[in-house]
Amino acid sequence: MKYRRPTLQILEKQNCLVVGMSKSGREYIVDVLQQQRNFKNMNVISFTLYKTMNLSIYRSIYQSQIPLVFVVDSTNISSENKLYLSQLITILKEKSKLLIVATKIDQENSLSKEEISDLLNLDSYKGIFKILKYSGVKSLNEGIKWVLHVGNNL
């Protein structure tokens, strides 16, 4: 599978979007999702968040009905990336199909669950989200199972 820089044309053709900072985490999630029966014919696009995205991409995601798997690698997150992250969440706040899987939490030099919750302002968020502590493949599997469960019930 090719991971391309997102464009509006690409986004319009996708039914699942995996966004995040960790390429290996995104690739793993994409691979597992595409092995699932329900996701067999699903087009998936994966890309790194922040600098690759401009406002028209944000808007396109917001307006689309794409189920979104959002992977947050919070290890050594920079203040600039915190800003992009909070901007994206602000734009996506009204999107009812937002699925968030946050990984690599509570490792050394990373954000805590509380910091991520504050950063994303999740207390006021009415959509669906889950924050996972990262412990490698096991927690990614747990996250994917949760995404599949919620996705099947949307």
C-alpha atoms as a PDB file:
ATOM      1  CA  MET A   1       0.000   0.000   0.000  1.00  0.00           C
ATOM      2  CA  LYS A   2       1.279   3.445  -0.895  1.00  0.00           C
ATOM      3  CA  TYR A   3       1.078   6.240   1.626  1.00  0.00           C
ATOM      4  CA  ARG A   4       0.616   9.457  -0.270  1.00  0.00           C
ATOM      5  CA  ARG A   5       0.422  13.061   0.721  1.00  0.00           C
ATOM      6  CA  PRO A   6      -3.313  13.772   1.045  1.00  0.00           C
ATOM      7  CA  THR A   7      -5.088  15.850  -1.567  1.00  0.00           C
ATOM      8  CA  LEU A   8      -8.743  16.770  -1.767  1.00  0.00           C
ATOM      9  CA  GLN A   9      -9.189  14.346  -4.701  1.00  0.00           C
ATOM     10  CA  ILE A  10      -7.644  11.465  -2.752  1.00  0.00           C
ATOM     11  CA  LEU A  11      -9.720  12.209   0.343  1.00  0.00           C
ATOM     12  CA  GLU A  12     -12.974  12.189  -1.637  1.00  0.00           C
ATOM     13  CA  LYS A  13     -12.322   8.581  -2.702  1.00  0.00           C
ATOM     14  CA  GLN A  14     -11.534   7.146   0.717  1.00  0.00           C
ATOM     15  CA  ASN A  15     -13.821   5.524   3.245  1.00  0.00           C
ATOM     16  CA  CYS A  16     -11.297   5.382   6.046  1.00  0.00           C
ATOM     17  CA  LEU A  17      -8.628   7.821   7.070  1.00  0.00           C
ATOM     18  CA  VAL A  18      -5.778   7.013   9.442  1.00  0.00           C
ATOM     19  CA  VAL A  19      -4.045  10.141  10.656  1.00  0.00           C
ATOM     20  CA  GLY A  20      -1.178  10.377  13.058  1.00  0.00           C
ATOM     21  CA  MET A  21       2.440  11.015  13.840  1.00  0.00           C
ATOM     22  CA  SER A  22       3.829   7.487  14.007  1.00  0.00           C
ATOM     23  CA  LYS A  23       4.227   5.911  10.555  1.00  0.00           C
ATOM     24  CA  SER A  24       4.718   2.388  11.882  1.00  0.00           C
ATOM     25  CA  GLY A  25       1.596   2.670  14.052  1.00  0.00           C
ATOM     26  CA  ARG A  26      -0.472   3.943  11.135  1.00  0.00           C
ATOM     27  CA  GLU A  27       0.800   1.247   8.783  1.00  0.00           C
ATOM     28  CA  TYR A  28       0.042  -1.448  11.338  1.00  0.00           C
ATOM     29  CA  ILE A  29      -3.500  -0.195  11.885  1.00  0.00           C
ATOM     30  CA  VAL A  30      -4.107   0.052   8.127  1.00  0.00           C
ATOM     31  CA  ASP A  31      -2.837  -3.502   7.567  1.00  0.00           C
ATOM     32  CA  VAL A  32      -5.016  -4.945  10.323  1.00  0.00           C
ATOM     33  CA  LEU A  33      -8.096  -2.995   9.235  1.00  0.00           C
ATOM     34  CA  GLN A  34      -7.757  -4.249   5.668  1.00  0.00           C
ATOM     35  CA  GLN A  35      -7.608  -7.857   6.861  1.00  0.00           C
ATOM     36  CA  GLN A  36     -11.007  -7.491   8.557  1.00  0.00           C
ATOM     37  CA  ARG A  37     -14.011  -8.697   6.579  1.00  0.00           C
ATOM     38  CA  ASN A  38     -15.983  -5.489   7.131  1.00  0.00           C
ATOM     39  CA  PHE A  39     -13.054  -3.403   5.938  1.00  0.00           C
ATOM     40  CA  LYS A  40     -12.056  -5.691   3.024  1.00  0.00           C
ATOM     41  CA  ASN A  41     -13.125  -3.312   0.257  1.00  0.00           C
ATOM     42  CA  MET A  42     -12.319  -0.200   2.178  1.00  0.00           C
ATOM     43  CA  ASN A  43      -9.967   2.359   0.694  1.00  0.00           C
ATOM     44  CA  VAL A  44      -7.625   3.599   3.383  1.00  0.00           C
ATOM     45  CA  ILE A  45      -5.334   6.585   3.331  1.00  0.00           C
ATOM     46  CA  SER A  46      -2.694   7.166   5.966  1.00  0.00           C
ATOM     47  CA  PHE A  47      -0.557  10.228   6.514  1.00  0.00           C
ATOM     48  CA  THR A  48       1.365  12.136   9.104  1.00  0.00           C
ATOM     49  CA  LEU A  49      -0.541  14.964  10.677  1.00  0.00           C
ATOM     50  CA  TYR A  50       0.431  18.593  11.056  1.00  0.00           C
ATOM     51  CA  LYS A  51       2.781  20.070   8.457  1.00  0.00           C
ATOM     52  CA  THR A  52       1.457  17.926   5.594  1.00  0.00           C
ATOM     53  CA  MET A  53      -2.014  19.335   6.059  1.00  0.00           C
ATOM     54  CA  ASN A  54      -3.411  22.682   5.051  1.00  0.00           C
ATOM     55  CA  LEU A  55      -6.776  24.218   5.904  1.00  0.00           C
ATOM     56  CA  SER A  56      -8.498  22.887   2.781  1.00  0.00           C
ATOM     57  CA  ILE A  57      -7.569  19.345   3.852  1.00  0.00           C
ATOM     58  CA  TYR A  58      -8.924  20.000   7.349  1.00  0.00           C
ATOM     59  CA  ARG A  59     -12.132  21.303   5.800  1.00  0.00           C
ATOM     60  CA  SER A  60     -12.415  18.328   3.469  1.00  0.00           C
ATOM     61  CA  ILE A  61     -12.081  15.887   6.376  1.00  0.00           C
ATOM     62  CA  TYR A  62     -14.612  17.858   8.388  1.00  0.00           C
ATOM     63  CA  GLN A  63     -17.187  17.867   5.581  1.00  0.00           C
ATOM     64  CA  SER A  64     -16.738  14.225   4.621  1.00  0.00           C
ATOM     65  CA  GLN A  65     -18.437  11.211   6.144  1.00  0.00           C
ATOM     66  CA  ILE A  66     -15.158   9.291   6.404  1.00  0.00           C
ATOM     67  CA  PRO A  67     -14.742   7.247   9.595  1.00  0.00           C
ATOM     68  CA  LEU A  68     -11.571   8.603  11.101  1.00  0.00           C
ATOM     69  CA  VAL A  69      -8.986   6.592  13.002  1.00  0.00           C
ATOM     70  CA  PHE A  70      -6.835   9.144  14.762  1.00  0.00           C
ATOM     71  CA  VAL A  71      -3.489   7.953  16.111  1.00  0.00           C
ATOM     72  CA  VAL A  72      -1.729  10.319  18.487  1.00  0.00           C
ATOM     73  CA  ASP A  73       1.885   9.511  19.196  1.00  0.00           C
ATOM     74  CA  SER A  74       2.403  11.743  22.194  1.00  0.00           C
ATOM     75  CA  THR A  75       6.080  10.965  22.742  1.00  0.00           C
ATOM     76  CA  ASN A  76       8.132  14.160  22.660  1.00  0.00           C
ATOM     77  CA  ILE A  77       5.242  16.111  21.153  1.00  0.00           C
ATOM     78  CA  SER A  78       6.408  19.615  20.281  1.00  0.00           C
ATOM     79  CA  SER A  79       4.491  22.771  21.134  1.00  0.00           C
ATOM     80  CA  GLU A  80       4.056  23.394  17.396  1.00  0.00           C
ATOM     81  CA  ASN A  81       2.489  19.955  16.966  1.00  0.00           C
ATOM     82  CA  LYS A  82       0.283  20.541  20.010  1.00  0.00           C
ATOM     83  CA  LEU A  83      -1.060  23.583  18.196  1.00  0.00           C
ATOM     84  CA  TYR A  84      -1.791  21.625  14.990  1.00  0.00           C
ATOM     85  CA  LEU A  85      -3.357  18.846  17.030  1.00  0.00           C
ATOM     86  CA  SER A  86      -5.699  21.175  18.903  1.00  0.00           C
ATOM     87  CA  GLN A  87      -6.592  22.988  15.653  1.00  0.00           C
ATOM     88  CA  LEU A  88      -7.526  19.714  13.983  1.00  0.00           C
ATOM     89  CA  ILE A  89      -9.642  18.603  16.935  1.00  0.00           C
ATOM     90  CA  THR A  90     -11.370  21.989  17.044  1.00  0.00           C
ATOM     91  CA  ILE A  91     -12.307  21.580  13.380  1.00  0.00           C
ATOM     92  CA  LEU A  92     -13.418  17.962  13.875  1.00  0.00           C
ATOM     93  CA  LYS A  93     -15.338  18.544  17.117  1.00  0.00           C
ATOM     94  CA  GLU A  94     -18.734  18.459  15.415  1.00  0.00           C
ATOM     95  CA  LYS A  95     -17.977  15.286  13.449  1.00  0.00           C
ATOM     96  CA  SER A  96     -20.008  12.486  14.976  1.00  0.00           C
ATOM     97  CA  LYS A  97     -17.966   9.637  13.476  1.00  0.00           C
ATOM     98  CA  LEU A  98     -14.660  10.714  14.972  1.00  0.00           C
ATOM     99  CA  LEU A  99     -12.721   7.786  16.394  1.00  0.00           C
ATOM    100  CA  ILE A 100      -9.563   8.552  18.334  1.00  0.00           C
ATOM    101  CA  VAL A 101      -6.947   5.994  19.288  1.00  0.00           C
ATOM    102  CA  ALA A 102      -4.176   7.756  21.184  1.00  0.00           C
ATOM    103  CA  THR A 103      -0.956   5.794  21.609  1.00  0.00           C
ATOM    104  CA  LYS A 104       2.357   5.976  23.416  1.00  0.00           C
ATOM    105  CA  ILE A 105       0.870   7.680  26.457  1.00  0.00           C
ATOM    106  CA  ASP A 106       2.642   7.738  29.821  1.00  0.00           C
ATOM    107  CA  GLN A 107       6.039   6.872  28.421  1.00  0.00           C
ATOM    108  CA  GLU A 108       8.995   8.946  29.470  1.00  0.00           C
ATOM    109  CA  ASN A 109       8.898  12.441  27.919  1.00  0.00           C
ATOM    110  CA  SER A 110       5.349  11.988  26.667  1.00  0.00           C
ATOM    111  CA  LEU A 111       1.995  13.475  27.525  1.00  0.00           C
ATOM    112  CA  SER A 112      -0.173  11.940  30.212  1.00  0.00           C
ATOM    113  CA  LYS A 113      -3.779  10.883  29.600  1.00  0.00           C
ATOM    114  CA  GLU A 114      -4.915  14.018  31.415  1.00  0.00           C
ATOM    115  CA  GLU A 115      -2.692  16.271  29.294  1.00  0.00           C
ATOM    116  CA  ILE A 116      -4.036  14.707  26.114  1.00  0.00           C
ATOM    117  CA  SER A 117      -7.592  15.082  27.378  1.00  0.00           C
ATOM    118  CA  ASP A 118      -6.912  18.742  28.166  1.00  0.00           C
ATOM    119  CA  LEU A 119      -5.109  19.303  24.879  1.00  0.00           C
ATOM    120  CA  LEU A 120      -7.960  17.832  22.872  1.00  0.00           C
ATOM    121  CA  ASN A 121     -10.521  19.452  25.189  1.00  0.00           C
ATOM    122  CA  LEU A 122     -12.313  16.111  25.369  1.00  0.00           C
ATOM    123  CA  ASP A 123     -14.473  17.080  28.333  1.00  0.00           C
ATOM    124  CA  SER A 124     -16.604  19.157  25.970  1.00  0.00           C
ATOM    125  CA  TYR A 125     -16.434  16.665  23.093  1.00  0.00           C
ATOM    126  CA  LYS A 126     -19.685  14.841  22.378  1.00  0.00           C
ATOM    127  CA  GLY A 127     -18.303  12.358  19.838  1.00  0.00           C
ATOM    128  CA  ILE A 128     -16.751   8.953  20.316  1.00  0.00           C
ATOM    129  CA  PHE A 129     -13.217   8.648  21.547  1.00  0.00           C
ATOM    130  CA  LYS A 130     -10.885   6.368  23.429  1.00  0.00           C
ATOM    131  CA  ILE A 131      -7.457   7.024  24.882  1.00  0.00           C
ATOM    132  CA  LEU A 132      -5.143   4.024  25.173  1.00  0.00           C
ATOM    133  CA  LYS A 133      -1.922   3.598  27.054  1.00  0.00           C
ATOM    134  CA  TYR A 134       0.645   2.385  24.557  1.00  0.00           C
ATOM    135  CA  SER A 135       2.381  -0.908  25.190  1.00  0.00           C
ATOM    136  CA  GLY A 136       3.275  -1.898  21.662  1.00  0.00           C
ATOM    137  CA  VAL A 137       1.258  -4.203  19.443  1.00  0.00           C
ATOM    138  CA  LYS A 138      -1.057  -5.346  22.249  1.00  0.00           C
ATOM    139  CA  SER A 139      -2.538  -1.902  22.829  1.00  0.00           C
ATOM    140  CA  LEU A 140      -2.766  -1.217  19.090  1.00  0.00           C
ATOM    141  CA  ASN A 141      -4.758  -4.453  18.734  1.00  0.00           C
ATOM    142  CA  GLU A 142      -7.014  -3.350  21.575  1.00  0.00           C
ATOM    143  CA  GLY A 143      -7.489  -0.019  19.826  1.00  0.00           C
ATOM    144  CA  ILE A 144      -8.274  -1.648  16.503  1.00  0.00           C
ATOM    145  CA  LYS A 145     -10.820  -4.002  18.107  1.00  0.00           C
ATOM    146  CA  TRP A 146     -12.472  -0.967  19.676  1.00  0.00           C
ATOM    147  CA  VAL A 147     -12.474   0.890  16.342  1.00  0.00           C
ATOM    148  CA  LEU A 148     -14.055  -2.114  14.595  1.00  0.00           C
ATOM    149  CA  HIS A 149     -16.676  -2.476  17.333  1.00  0.00           C
ATOM    150  CA  VAL A 150     -17.624   1.194  17.292  1.00  0.00           C
ATOM    151  CA  GLY A 151     -17.385   1.389  13.491  1.00  0.00           C
ATOM    152  CA  ASN A 152     -19.812  -1.501  13.094  1.00  0.00           C
ATOM    153  CA  ASN A 153     -22.304   0.231  15.371  1.00  0.00           C
ATOM    154  CA  LEU A 154     -22.265   3.660  13.719  1.00  0.00           C
END
